[in-house]
Amino acid sequence: MPSHHTSNTEPASGTNRRRRRGVLLSLALVVGLLSAASSAQAREATTPDPAGGGSSAFDLYKVKVVNNAKGVRVTVRMKPVDWNAESTPVGEFRLLLDTNHKSAGAEFADEVGIPGDGGFRALKGSTAHRESWVTYPFPGTCGKTVRERYDLENGIVVVHVKPKKGCLYHPKYVRVNVRSIQSGYIDDSGYHTYTPARIDHLPYKNSFTPWVKYSRK
């Protein structure tokens, strides 16, 4: 931050006093904004794709993670898919959700084929626990707390896990990793494969977004 010096050989004029008052007000505003940002960071965080634009039809733009009284909500923004174009992209989407900062790796995944089927599932725990979290084709007890929205035409994917005791109930910290793969495309002449596939990670391969701490607000 630049320093502001006042000469001690000249009397402080009204102009100087107004200037100093303006500086103090500016500093107060900055501190207030930083405090607000820190407060917001506790319950939500948005992470842009550090790699920038890519060649994949499923290029990832950014992900927003919210962890509050309404549950854990993850919103992914990506390149919109034009299903009326001359070719249809083919691939898959995966979101890893880490809800335990004391345990290595993610606890949950949401995976779908594009175009195709898929859903939310638990990656750890007993067979009964994992079956409880399934959302496709029929939701289990905990799977019923999950809401998934795949609006690829508008480039939006939303996964919302509502709080429920015995399932996912207000985890202290959460973070995510998002991956999209375009393996090829289909046009009038058939299916064409990309070698290698066009893969996009957010933020990076084998890494996660910052932890988002739970907040009731």
C-alpha atoms as a PDB file:
ATOM      1  CA  MET A   1       0.000   0.000   0.000  1.00  0.00           C
ATOM      2  CA  PRO A   2       1.479   3.447  -0.884  1.00  0.00           C
ATOM      3  CA  SER A   3       2.456   5.602   2.075  1.00  0.00           C
ATOM      4  CA  HIS A   4       1.176   9.132   2.453  1.00  0.00           C
ATOM      5  CA  HIS A   5       3.613  11.712   3.902  1.00  0.00           C
ATOM      6  CA  THR A   6       2.696  15.140   5.283  1.00  0.00           C
ATOM      7  CA  SER A   7       5.426  17.758   5.409  1.00  0.00           C
ATOM      8  CA  ASN A   8       6.145  18.994   8.952  1.00  0.00           C
ATOM      9  CA  THR A   9       7.520  22.286   7.650  1.00  0.00           C
ATOM     10  CA  GLU A  10       4.213  23.529   6.278  1.00  0.00           C
ATOM     11  CA  PRO A  11       0.953  24.109   8.151  1.00  0.00           C
ATOM     12  CA  ALA A  12      -1.779  21.596   7.360  1.00  0.00           C
ATOM     13  CA  SER A  13      -4.152  23.390   5.069  1.00  0.00           C
ATOM     14  CA  GLY A  14      -7.869  22.665   4.697  1.00  0.00           C
ATOM     15  CA  THR A  15      -7.064  20.936   1.421  1.00  0.00           C
ATOM     16  CA  ASN A  16      -4.594  18.603   3.146  1.00  0.00           C
ATOM     17  CA  ARG A  17      -7.095  17.837   5.901  1.00  0.00           C
ATOM     18  CA  ARG A  18      -9.754  16.980   3.323  1.00  0.00           C
ATOM     19  CA  ARG A  19      -7.242  14.816   1.450  1.00  0.00           C
ATOM     20  CA  ARG A  20      -6.332  12.898   4.612  1.00  0.00           C
ATOM     21  CA  ARG A  21     -10.008  12.473   5.466  1.00  0.00           C
ATOM     22  CA  GLY A  22     -10.588  11.076   1.992  1.00  0.00           C
ATOM     23  CA  VAL A  23      -7.700   8.646   2.409  1.00  0.00           C
ATOM     24  CA  LEU A  24      -9.073   7.451   5.760  1.00  0.00           C
ATOM     25  CA  LEU A  25     -12.542   6.964   4.287  1.00  0.00           C
ATOM     26  CA  SER A  26     -11.057   5.002   1.395  1.00  0.00           C
ATOM     27  CA  LEU A  27      -9.126   2.780   3.803  1.00  0.00           C
ATOM     28  CA  ALA A  28     -12.258   2.187   5.862  1.00  0.00           C
ATOM     29  CA  LEU A  29     -14.130   1.206   2.709  1.00  0.00           C
ATOM     30  CA  VAL A  30     -11.400  -1.232   1.698  1.00  0.00           C
ATOM     31  CA  VAL A  31     -11.376  -2.817   5.161  1.00  0.00           C
ATOM     32  CA  GLY A  32     -15.154  -3.157   5.034  1.00  0.00           C
ATOM     33  CA  LEU A  33     -15.039  -4.822   1.643  1.00  0.00           C
ATOM     34  CA  LEU A  34     -12.331  -7.218   2.789  1.00  0.00           C
ATOM     35  CA  SER A  35     -14.361  -8.116   5.869  1.00  0.00           C
ATOM     36  CA  ALA A  36     -17.431  -8.763   3.734  1.00  0.00           C
ATOM     37  CA  ALA A  37     -15.399 -10.909   1.366  1.00  0.00           C
ATOM     38  CA  SER A  38     -14.013 -12.931   4.275  1.00  0.00           C
ATOM     39  CA  SER A  39     -17.515 -13.445   5.660  1.00  0.00           C
ATOM     40  CA  ALA A  40     -18.834 -14.563   2.281  1.00  0.00           C
ATOM     41  CA  GLN A  41     -15.852 -16.847   1.799  1.00  0.00           C
ATOM     42  CA  ALA A  42     -16.868 -18.761   4.928  1.00  0.00           C
ATOM     43  CA  ARG A  43     -20.087 -20.000   3.328  1.00  0.00           C
ATOM     44  CA  GLU A  44     -19.403 -19.852  -0.405  1.00  0.00           C
ATOM     45  CA  ALA A  45     -16.564 -19.678  -2.908  1.00  0.00           C
ATOM     46  CA  THR A  46     -16.341 -19.338  -6.685  1.00  0.00           C
ATOM     47  CA  THR A  47     -13.355 -20.823  -8.504  1.00  0.00           C
ATOM     48  CA  PRO A  48     -12.748 -19.975 -12.194  1.00  0.00           C
ATOM     49  CA  ASP A  49     -11.004 -22.378 -14.549  1.00  0.00           C
ATOM     50  CA  PRO A  50      -7.310 -21.455 -14.130  1.00  0.00           C
ATOM     51  CA  ALA A  51      -6.472 -22.877 -17.563  1.00  0.00           C
ATOM     52  CA  GLY A  52      -8.849 -20.547 -19.390  1.00  0.00           C
ATOM     53  CA  GLY A  53     -10.703 -21.450 -22.570  1.00  0.00           C
ATOM     54  CA  GLY A  54     -10.204 -24.876 -24.109  1.00  0.00           C
ATOM     55  CA  SER A  55     -11.144 -26.697 -27.300  1.00  0.00           C
ATOM     56  CA  SER A  56     -13.606 -29.091 -25.650  1.00  0.00           C
ATOM     57  CA  ALA A  57     -17.322 -28.717 -26.316  1.00  0.00           C
ATOM     58  CA  PHE A  58     -17.687 -29.195 -22.546  1.00  0.00           C
ATOM     59  CA  ASP A  59     -15.163 -26.517 -21.580  1.00  0.00           C
ATOM     60  CA  LEU A  60     -15.509 -25.651 -17.884  1.00  0.00           C
ATOM     61  CA  TYR A  61     -15.757 -21.975 -16.918  1.00  0.00           C
ATOM     62  CA  LYS A  62     -16.175 -21.821 -13.140  1.00  0.00           C
ATOM     63  CA  VAL A  63     -17.689 -23.569 -10.126  1.00  0.00           C
ATOM     64  CA  LYS A  64     -19.481 -22.050  -7.150  1.00  0.00           C
ATOM     65  CA  VAL A  65     -19.705 -23.957  -3.859  1.00  0.00           C
ATOM     66  CA  VAL A  66     -22.189 -22.934  -1.153  1.00  0.00           C
ATOM     67  CA  ASN A  67     -22.265 -24.539   2.302  1.00  0.00           C
ATOM     68  CA  ASN A  68     -25.068 -23.134   4.451  1.00  0.00           C
ATOM     69  CA  ALA A  69     -28.266 -24.021   6.320  1.00  0.00           C
ATOM     70  CA  LYS A  70     -29.977 -25.037   3.076  1.00  0.00           C
ATOM     71  CA  GLY A  71     -27.310 -27.653   2.382  1.00  0.00           C
ATOM     72  CA  VAL A  72     -24.393 -28.037   0.017  1.00  0.00           C
ATOM     73  CA  ARG A  73     -25.027 -26.541  -3.403  1.00  0.00           C
ATOM     74  CA  VAL A  74     -22.557 -26.757  -6.286  1.00  0.00           C
ATOM     75  CA  THR A  75     -23.121 -24.770  -9.487  1.00  0.00           C
ATOM     76  CA  VAL A  76     -20.902 -25.397 -12.495  1.00  0.00           C
ATOM     77  CA  ARG A  77     -20.807 -23.023 -15.458  1.00  0.00           C
ATOM     78  CA  MET A  78     -19.544 -24.460 -18.711  1.00  0.00           C
ATOM     79  CA  LYS A  79     -19.729 -23.968 -22.462  1.00  0.00           C
ATOM     80  CA  PRO A  80     -23.343 -24.331 -23.647  1.00  0.00           C
ATOM     81  CA  VAL A  81     -24.095 -27.317 -25.865  1.00  0.00           C
ATOM     82  CA  ASP A  82     -26.004 -26.700 -29.103  1.00  0.00           C
ATOM     83  CA  TRP A  83     -27.951 -29.913 -29.693  1.00  0.00           C
ATOM     84  CA  ASN A  84     -29.166 -28.549 -33.047  1.00  0.00           C
ATOM     85  CA  ALA A  85     -25.671 -28.142 -34.464  1.00  0.00           C
ATOM     86  CA  GLU A  86     -24.386 -30.286 -37.323  1.00  0.00           C
ATOM     87  CA  SER A  87     -22.497 -32.474 -34.845  1.00  0.00           C
ATOM     88  CA  THR A  88     -23.301 -33.680 -31.322  1.00  0.00           C
ATOM     89  CA  PRO A  89     -20.474 -33.826 -28.761  1.00  0.00           C
ATOM     90  CA  VAL A  90     -20.042 -37.064 -26.835  1.00  0.00           C
ATOM     91  CA  GLY A  91     -18.349 -37.506 -23.482  1.00  0.00           C
ATOM     92  CA  GLU A  92     -18.918 -37.414 -19.757  1.00  0.00           C
ATOM     93  CA  PHE A  93     -19.120 -35.119 -16.745  1.00  0.00           C
ATOM     94  CA  ARG A  94     -17.915 -35.847 -13.218  1.00  0.00           C
ATOM     95  CA  LEU A  95     -18.113 -33.857 -10.013  1.00  0.00           C
ATOM     96  CA  LEU A  96     -16.261 -35.033  -6.891  1.00  0.00           C
ATOM     97  CA  LEU A  97     -17.553 -33.742  -3.544  1.00  0.00           C
ATOM     98  CA  ASP A  98     -15.217 -33.849  -0.546  1.00  0.00           C
ATOM     99  CA  THR A  99     -17.097 -33.376   2.738  1.00  0.00           C
ATOM    100  CA  ASN A 100     -14.548 -34.576   5.302  1.00  0.00           C
ATOM    101  CA  HIS A 101     -11.342 -32.587   5.712  1.00  0.00           C
ATOM    102  CA  LYS A 102      -9.953 -35.289   8.013  1.00  0.00           C
ATOM    103  CA  SER A 103     -10.215 -38.064   5.410  1.00  0.00           C
ATOM    104  CA  ALA A 104      -8.293 -38.313   2.137  1.00  0.00           C
ATOM    105  CA  GLY A 105     -10.274 -38.200  -1.085  1.00  0.00           C
ATOM    106  CA  ALA A 106     -13.844 -37.335  -1.961  1.00  0.00           C
ATOM    107  CA  GLU A 107     -16.847 -38.917  -0.278  1.00  0.00           C
ATOM    108  CA  PHE A 108     -19.279 -38.475  -3.186  1.00  0.00           C
ATOM    109  CA  ALA A 109     -19.400 -38.264  -6.971  1.00  0.00           C
ATOM    110  CA  ASP A 110     -21.964 -37.126  -9.504  1.00  0.00           C
ATOM    111  CA  GLU A 111     -21.292 -38.656 -12.917  1.00  0.00           C
ATOM    112  CA  VAL A 112     -23.241 -38.661 -16.174  1.00  0.00           C
ATOM    113  CA  GLY A 113     -22.619 -39.575 -19.778  1.00  0.00           C
ATOM    114  CA  ILE A 114     -23.219 -36.879 -22.378  1.00  0.00           C
ATOM    115  CA  PRO A 115     -25.609 -37.733 -23.823  1.00  0.00           C
ATOM    116  CA  GLY A 116     -26.626 -40.512 -21.458  1.00  0.00           C
ATOM    117  CA  ASP A 117     -27.511 -41.431 -17.914  1.00  0.00           C
ATOM    118  CA  GLY A 118     -25.839 -41.315 -14.541  1.00  0.00           C
ATOM    119  CA  GLY A 119     -26.288 -39.896 -11.085  1.00  0.00           C
ATOM    120  CA  PHE A 120     -25.022 -39.226  -7.600  1.00  0.00           C
ATOM    121  CA  ARG A 121     -23.348 -41.874  -5.445  1.00  0.00           C
ATOM    122  CA  ALA A 122     -21.215 -42.382  -2.353  1.00  0.00           C
ATOM    123  CA  LEU A 123     -17.609 -43.440  -2.872  1.00  0.00           C
ATOM    124  CA  LYS A 124     -16.912 -44.660   0.663  1.00  0.00           C
ATOM    125  CA  GLY A 125     -18.613 -46.657   3.395  1.00  0.00           C
ATOM    126  CA  SER A 126     -20.495 -49.928   3.629  1.00  0.00           C
ATOM    127  CA  THR A 127     -22.579 -51.411   0.844  1.00  0.00           C
ATOM    128  CA  ALA A 128     -25.756 -50.315   2.614  1.00  0.00           C
ATOM    129  CA  HIS A 129     -24.410 -46.775   2.961  1.00  0.00           C
ATOM    130  CA  ARG A 130     -23.469 -46.560  -0.700  1.00  0.00           C
ATOM    131  CA  GLU A 131     -26.800 -48.008  -1.831  1.00  0.00           C
ATOM    132  CA  SER A 132     -28.596 -45.410   0.286  1.00  0.00           C
ATOM    133  CA  TRP A 133     -26.933 -42.595  -1.665  1.00  0.00           C
ATOM    134  CA  VAL A 134     -27.769 -43.827  -5.159  1.00  0.00           C
ATOM    135  CA  THR A 135     -29.997 -41.476  -7.190  1.00  0.00           C
ATOM    136  CA  TYR A 136     -30.287 -43.481 -10.429  1.00  0.00           C
ATOM    137  CA  PRO A 137     -32.325 -45.321 -11.538  1.00  0.00           C
ATOM    138  CA  PHE A 138     -34.177 -45.281  -8.201  1.00  0.00           C
ATOM    139  CA  PRO A 139     -33.114 -43.008  -5.330  1.00  0.00           C
ATOM    140  CA  GLY A 140     -32.140 -44.460  -1.974  1.00  0.00           C
ATOM    141  CA  THR A 141     -32.935 -42.901   1.397  1.00  0.00           C
ATOM    142  CA  CYS A 142     -30.075 -40.405   1.231  1.00  0.00           C
ATOM    143  CA  GLY A 143     -30.275 -40.171  -2.540  1.00  0.00           C
ATOM    144  CA  LYS A 144     -33.648 -38.479  -2.107  1.00  0.00           C
ATOM    145  CA  THR A 145     -31.873 -35.505  -0.528  1.00  0.00           C
ATOM    146  CA  VAL A 146     -29.974 -34.852  -3.767  1.00  0.00           C
ATOM    147  CA  ARG A 147     -31.269 -32.576  -6.518  1.00  0.00           C
ATOM    148  CA  GLU A 148     -29.461 -32.636  -9.858  1.00  0.00           C
ATOM    149  CA  ARG A 149     -29.975 -30.228 -12.741  1.00  0.00           C
ATOM    150  CA  TYR A 150     -28.206 -30.711 -16.048  1.00  0.00           C
ATOM    151  CA  ASP A 151     -29.079 -27.742 -18.248  1.00  0.00           C
ATOM    152  CA  LEU A 152     -26.316 -28.252 -20.788  1.00  0.00           C
ATOM    153  CA  GLU A 153     -28.074 -26.089 -23.383  1.00  0.00           C
ATOM    154  CA  ASN A 154     -27.423 -23.128 -21.106  1.00  0.00           C
ATOM    155  CA  GLY A 155     -24.124 -24.435 -19.772  1.00  0.00           C
ATOM    156  CA  ILE A 156     -25.305 -25.024 -16.206  1.00  0.00           C
ATOM    157  CA  VAL A 157     -24.979 -28.024 -13.897  1.00  0.00           C
ATOM    158  CA  VAL A 158     -26.339 -27.842 -10.342  1.00  0.00           C
ATOM    159  CA  VAL A 159     -25.988 -30.469  -7.613  1.00  0.00           C
ATOM    160  CA  HIS A 160     -27.766 -29.664  -4.347  1.00  0.00           C
ATOM    161  CA  VAL A 161     -27.553 -31.971  -1.325  1.00  0.00           C
ATOM    162  CA  LYS A 162     -30.137 -31.002   1.273  1.00  0.00           C
ATOM    163  CA  PRO A 163     -29.269 -31.491   4.952  1.00  0.00           C
ATOM    164  CA  LYS A 164     -30.632 -34.598   6.663  1.00  0.00           C
ATOM    165  CA  LYS A 165     -29.446 -36.342   9.798  1.00  0.00           C
ATOM    166  CA  GLY A 166     -28.042 -39.747   8.965  1.00  0.00           C
ATOM    167  CA  CYS A 167     -27.120 -38.559   5.470  1.00  0.00           C
ATOM    168  CA  LEU A 168     -25.170 -35.313   4.914  1.00  0.00           C
ATOM    169  CA  TYR A 169     -25.958 -32.913   7.729  1.00  0.00           C
ATOM    170  CA  HIS A 170     -24.121 -29.602   7.671  1.00  0.00           C
ATOM    171  CA  PRO A 171     -20.536 -30.732   6.981  1.00  0.00           C
ATOM    172  CA  LYS A 172     -18.006 -28.363   8.530  1.00  0.00           C
ATOM    173  CA  TYR A 173     -16.016 -28.028   5.296  1.00  0.00           C
ATOM    174  CA  VAL A 174     -16.653 -28.949   1.656  1.00  0.00           C
ATOM    175  CA  ARG A 175     -14.717 -28.682  -1.598  1.00  0.00           C
ATOM    176  CA  VAL A 176     -15.049 -30.064  -5.131  1.00  0.00           C
ATOM    177  CA  ASN A 177     -13.197 -31.197  -8.222  1.00  0.00           C
ATOM    178  CA  VAL A 178     -14.881 -31.045 -11.629  1.00  0.00           C
ATOM    179  CA  ARG A 179     -13.885 -32.871 -14.793  1.00  0.00           C
ATOM    180  CA  SER A 180     -15.378 -32.981 -18.278  1.00  0.00           C
ATOM    181  CA  ILE A 181     -14.310 -35.257 -21.111  1.00  0.00           C
ATOM    182  CA  GLN A 182     -15.202 -34.927 -24.779  1.00  0.00           C
ATOM    183  CA  SER A 183     -14.308 -38.270 -26.299  1.00  0.00           C
ATOM    184  CA  GLY A 184     -15.626 -37.416 -29.751  1.00  0.00           C
ATOM    185  CA  TYR A 185     -18.695 -36.332 -31.669  1.00  0.00           C
ATOM    186  CA  ILE A 186     -21.499 -37.705 -33.834  1.00  0.00           C
ATOM    187  CA  ASP A 187     -22.532 -36.314 -37.203  1.00  0.00           C
ATOM    188  CA  ASP A 188     -24.334 -37.585 -40.294  1.00  0.00           C
ATOM    189  CA  SER A 189     -21.423 -39.840 -41.188  1.00  0.00           C
ATOM    190  CA  GLY A 190     -21.240 -41.540 -37.779  1.00  0.00           C
ATOM    191  CA  TYR A 191     -19.173 -41.379 -34.609  1.00  0.00           C
ATOM    192  CA  HIS A 192     -15.741 -39.764 -34.617  1.00  0.00           C
ATOM    193  CA  THR A 193     -13.252 -40.253 -31.779  1.00  0.00           C
ATOM    194  CA  TYR A 194     -10.807 -37.694 -30.459  1.00  0.00           C
ATOM    195  CA  THR A 195      -7.373 -39.150 -29.740  1.00  0.00           C
ATOM    196  CA  PRO A 196      -6.499 -38.055 -27.173  1.00  0.00           C
ATOM    197  CA  ALA A 197      -9.818 -37.082 -25.633  1.00  0.00           C
ATOM    198  CA  ARG A 198     -10.369 -33.421 -24.805  1.00  0.00           C
ATOM    199  CA  ILE A 199     -10.283 -33.261 -21.010  1.00  0.00           C
ATOM    200  CA  ASP A 200     -10.883 -30.227 -18.818  1.00  0.00           C
ATOM    201  CA  HIS A 201     -10.270 -30.125 -15.056  1.00  0.00           C
ATOM    202  CA  LEU A 202     -11.373 -27.524 -12.545  1.00  0.00           C
ATOM    203  CA  PRO A 203      -9.271 -26.417 -10.816  1.00  0.00           C
ATOM    204  CA  TYR A 204      -6.610 -28.965 -11.835  1.00  0.00           C
ATOM    205  CA  LYS A 205      -6.208 -32.721 -12.158  1.00  0.00           C
ATOM    206  CA  ASN A 206      -6.095 -34.423  -8.745  1.00  0.00           C
ATOM    207  CA  SER A 207      -6.771 -31.168  -6.900  1.00  0.00           C
ATOM    208  CA  PHE A 208      -9.758 -29.496  -5.297  1.00  0.00           C
ATOM    209  CA  THR A 209     -11.198 -26.025  -4.882  1.00  0.00           C
ATOM    210  CA  PRO A 210     -10.583 -24.229  -1.564  1.00  0.00           C
ATOM    211  CA  TRP A 211     -12.465 -25.503   1.474  1.00  0.00           C
ATOM    212  CA  VAL A 212     -15.779 -23.760   2.120  1.00  0.00           C
ATOM    213  CA  LYS A 213     -16.700 -23.600   5.788  1.00  0.00           C
ATOM    214  CA  TYR A 214     -20.278 -24.128   6.932  1.00  0.00           C
ATOM    215  CA  SER A 215     -22.322 -21.068   7.816  1.00  0.00           C
ATOM    216  CA  ARG A 216     -25.967 -20.932   8.894  1.00  0.00           C
ATOM    217  CA  LYS A 217     -26.593 -17.895   6.688  1.00  0.00           C
END
